[in-house]
Amino acid sequence: MSLVGKLSAEVLVVAPHDEHHGVWVGRPHHISNVSPSKMPKVDLHAGKWGTVGSVGVWHYVVDGKVNVTKGVVEAINEENKTITYRAIEGDILQEYKSFKVIIQSIPKGEAAWIHWTLEYEKLNKNIPHPIKLLEFVIHLSEELDDHLVQA
C-alpha cells in the first residue's frame, strides 16, 4: 500500500474565475471574513501576499476540531490561474510527511471551475486519506462564491 496520494475535485462556481484566483493569491486572509466558522483566521507570517515564498498561518475547523498549519506559497501561475501552497509546520504534518494544496481557477463561459488538488504523503498506512479536508475546501469554495456573487 502506497503512502503517497493525490485527491482532486472541481466545483462549478458563478463568480468569474479571476475573482476566485485573486482571493486565493492576494487576499487569502479575507476567507476568514467569508467563512469564519470554517476558517476563523489567516495571518501573514512572512513575505507579502501574492508572492512566491510568502508564508501564511491558516486556522481552520474540520469536524469541529481547530487546526493550525503554516504554509508557504510554492508557485503562482497567472496564465493558468494556479497557486500552490505547501505545508511547512502545524497540525497537518502530524499525519502527513508532506502536504500540498493546488488551486486552479478555470473559466467556463461566465462561470468557472475551481479545481482543487491535494498531494500528500501519509506518515503511515493507518492515516486516512484527507477526504474530509477535500470536502472542507469544496464547501469553502461554495461559500466564497456566494460571497463574491453578492459583493
Protein backbone atom coordinates (compact mmCIF):
# COMPACT_ATOMS: atom_id res chain seq x y z
CA MET A 1 0.00 0.00 0.00
CA SER A 2 1.43 3.36 -1.07
CA LEU A 3 1.66 6.21 1.39
CA VAL A 4 1.70 8.80 -1.41
CA GLY A 5 -1.62 10.07 -2.69
CA LYS A 6 -3.46 12.69 -4.65
CA LEU A 7 -7.10 13.74 -4.36
CA SER A 8 -8.82 16.25 -6.56
CA ALA A 9 -12.23 17.79 -7.05
CA GLU A 10 -13.81 20.53 -9.12
CA VAL A 11 -16.53 22.90 -8.05
CA LEU A 12 -18.59 24.90 -10.54
CA VAL A 13 -18.94 28.49 -9.32
CA VAL A 14 -20.80 31.52 -10.64
CA ALA A 15 -18.33 34.34 -9.92
CA PRO A 16 -15.61 34.87 -12.55
CA HIS A 17 -12.50 32.72 -12.27
CA ASP A 18 -10.17 35.69 -11.84
CA GLU A 19 -12.10 36.82 -8.73
CA HIS A 20 -11.62 33.44 -7.07
CA HIS A 21 -7.97 33.34 -8.10
CA GLY A 22 -7.48 36.87 -6.77
CA VAL A 23 -8.66 35.87 -3.30
CA TRP A 24 -6.51 32.74 -3.04
CA VAL A 25 -3.41 34.52 -4.36
CA GLY A 26 -3.56 38.05 -3.00
CA ARG A 27 -6.20 38.12 -0.27
CA PRO A 28 -6.43 34.72 1.44
CA HIS A 29 -6.85 36.46 4.80
CA HIS A 30 -10.30 37.60 3.57
CA ILE A 31 -11.52 33.99 3.73
CA SER A 32 -11.93 34.40 7.48
CA ASN A 33 -14.47 37.18 6.80
CA VAL A 34 -16.33 34.99 4.30
CA SER A 35 -16.39 31.81 6.37
CA PRO A 36 -15.35 32.45 9.98
CA SER A 37 -16.82 29.13 11.16
CA LYS A 38 -14.62 27.17 8.73
CA MET A 39 -11.55 29.39 8.63
CA PRO A 40 -11.54 31.78 11.59
CA LYS A 41 -8.10 33.23 10.94
CA VAL A 42 -5.44 33.53 8.24
CA ASP A 43 -2.33 35.53 9.09
CA LEU A 44 0.67 36.58 7.03
CA HIS A 45 3.77 35.25 8.76
CA ALA A 46 6.47 36.27 6.26
CA GLY A 47 6.72 37.99 2.90
CA LYS A 48 3.88 39.64 1.04
CA TRP A 49 0.55 38.13 -0.04
CA GLY A 50 0.58 37.28 -3.73
CA THR A 51 4.26 36.40 -3.90
CA VAL A 52 6.11 33.11 -4.12
CA GLY A 53 7.82 32.38 -0.82
CA SER A 54 5.26 34.19 1.33
CA VAL A 55 4.20 32.27 4.42
CA GLY A 56 0.72 32.21 5.91
CA VAL A 57 -0.67 30.69 9.08
CA TRP A 58 -4.06 29.08 8.44
CA HIS A 59 -6.53 28.39 11.27
CA TYR A 60 -9.31 26.10 10.03
CA VAL A 61 -12.01 23.89 11.51
CA VAL A 62 -12.65 20.37 10.21
CA ASP A 63 -15.13 18.12 12.03
CA GLY A 64 -15.29 20.58 14.91
CA LYS A 65 -11.54 20.48 15.51
CA VAL A 66 -9.48 23.67 15.16
CA ASN A 67 -6.30 23.08 13.17
CA VAL A 68 -3.37 25.40 12.54
CA THR A 69 -0.98 24.98 9.63
CA LYS A 70 1.81 27.19 8.37
CA GLY A 71 2.13 27.10 4.60
CA VAL A 72 4.44 28.64 2.02
CA VAL A 73 3.39 29.75 -1.46
CA GLU A 74 5.45 27.45 -3.63
CA ALA A 75 4.23 28.60 -7.05
CA ILE A 76 1.89 31.09 -8.71
CA ASN A 77 0.98 30.80 -12.38
CA GLU A 78 -1.05 33.80 -13.50
CA GLU A 79 -1.55 32.44 -17.02
CA ASN A 80 -3.16 29.23 -15.73
CA LYS A 81 -4.66 30.93 -12.63
CA THR A 82 -2.97 28.42 -10.32
CA ILE A 83 -1.45 28.74 -6.86
CA THR A 84 0.39 26.04 -4.91
CA TYR A 85 0.71 26.04 -1.12
CA ARG A 86 2.99 23.61 0.76
CA ALA A 87 2.60 22.89 4.48
CA ILE A 88 5.81 23.57 6.41
CA GLU A 89 4.57 23.35 10.03
CA GLY A 90 1.49 22.56 12.01
CA ASP A 91 -1.25 20.08 12.70
CA ILE A 92 -1.47 18.60 9.22
CA LEU A 93 2.15 17.43 9.44
CA GLN A 94 1.25 15.27 12.44
CA GLU A 95 -0.35 12.84 9.97
CA TYR A 96 1.33 13.66 6.67
CA LYS A 97 5.02 13.78 5.87
CA SER A 98 4.27 16.27 3.10
CA PHE A 99 1.13 18.11 2.04
CA LYS A 100 0.46 20.42 -0.91
CA VAL A 101 -2.70 22.21 -1.97
CA ILE A 102 -3.04 23.35 -5.58
CA ILE A 103 -5.93 25.63 -6.51
CA GLN A 104 -6.75 26.41 -10.14
CA SER A 105 -9.50 28.72 -11.38
CA ILE A 106 -10.66 27.69 -14.86
CA PRO A 107 -13.05 29.84 -16.90
CA LYS A 108 -16.26 28.22 -18.14
CA GLY A 109 -18.29 30.81 -20.00
CA GLU A 110 -19.46 33.35 -17.44
CA ALA A 111 -18.85 30.83 -14.64
CA ALA A 112 -15.73 28.97 -13.52
CA TRP A 113 -14.44 25.65 -12.30
CA ILE A 114 -12.38 25.74 -9.13
CA HIS A 115 -10.09 22.73 -9.30
CA TRP A 116 -8.57 21.58 -6.01
CA THR A 117 -5.71 19.08 -5.82
CA LEU A 118 -4.34 17.71 -2.55
CA GLU A 119 -0.97 15.97 -2.87
CA TYR A 120 0.33 14.21 0.22
CA GLU A 121 2.43 11.51 1.77
CA LYS A 122 0.97 9.82 4.83
CA LEU A 123 3.25 9.09 7.78
CA ASN A 124 1.96 5.52 7.94
CA LYS A 125 -0.68 3.25 6.40
CA ASN A 126 -3.13 3.84 9.29
CA ILE A 127 -3.51 7.54 8.46
CA PRO A 128 -6.67 8.17 6.42
CA HIS A 129 -6.68 9.83 3.04
CA PRO A 130 -7.64 13.51 3.54
CA ILE A 131 -11.16 13.14 2.13
CA LYS A 132 -12.67 15.29 4.90
CA LEU A 133 -10.22 18.04 4.04
CA LEU A 134 -11.22 17.80 0.37
CA GLU A 135 -14.88 18.13 1.36
CA PHE A 136 -13.90 21.11 3.52
CA VAL A 137 -12.27 23.00 0.62
CA ILE A 138 -15.23 22.25 -1.66
CA HIS A 139 -17.62 23.84 0.86
CA LEU A 140 -15.20 26.72 1.37
CA SER A 141 -15.22 27.38 -2.40
CA GLU A 142 -19.01 27.43 -2.42
CA GLU A 143 -19.13 29.91 0.46
CA LEU A 144 -16.52 32.12 -1.22
CA ASP A 145 -18.54 32.03 -4.43
CA ASP A 146 -21.71 33.07 -2.60
CA HIS A 147 -19.79 35.98 -1.10
CA LEU A 148 -18.26 37.08 -4.43
CA VAL A 149 -21.63 36.94 -6.20
CA GLN A 150 -23.27 39.11 -3.50
CA ALA A 151 -20.43 41.67 -3.47
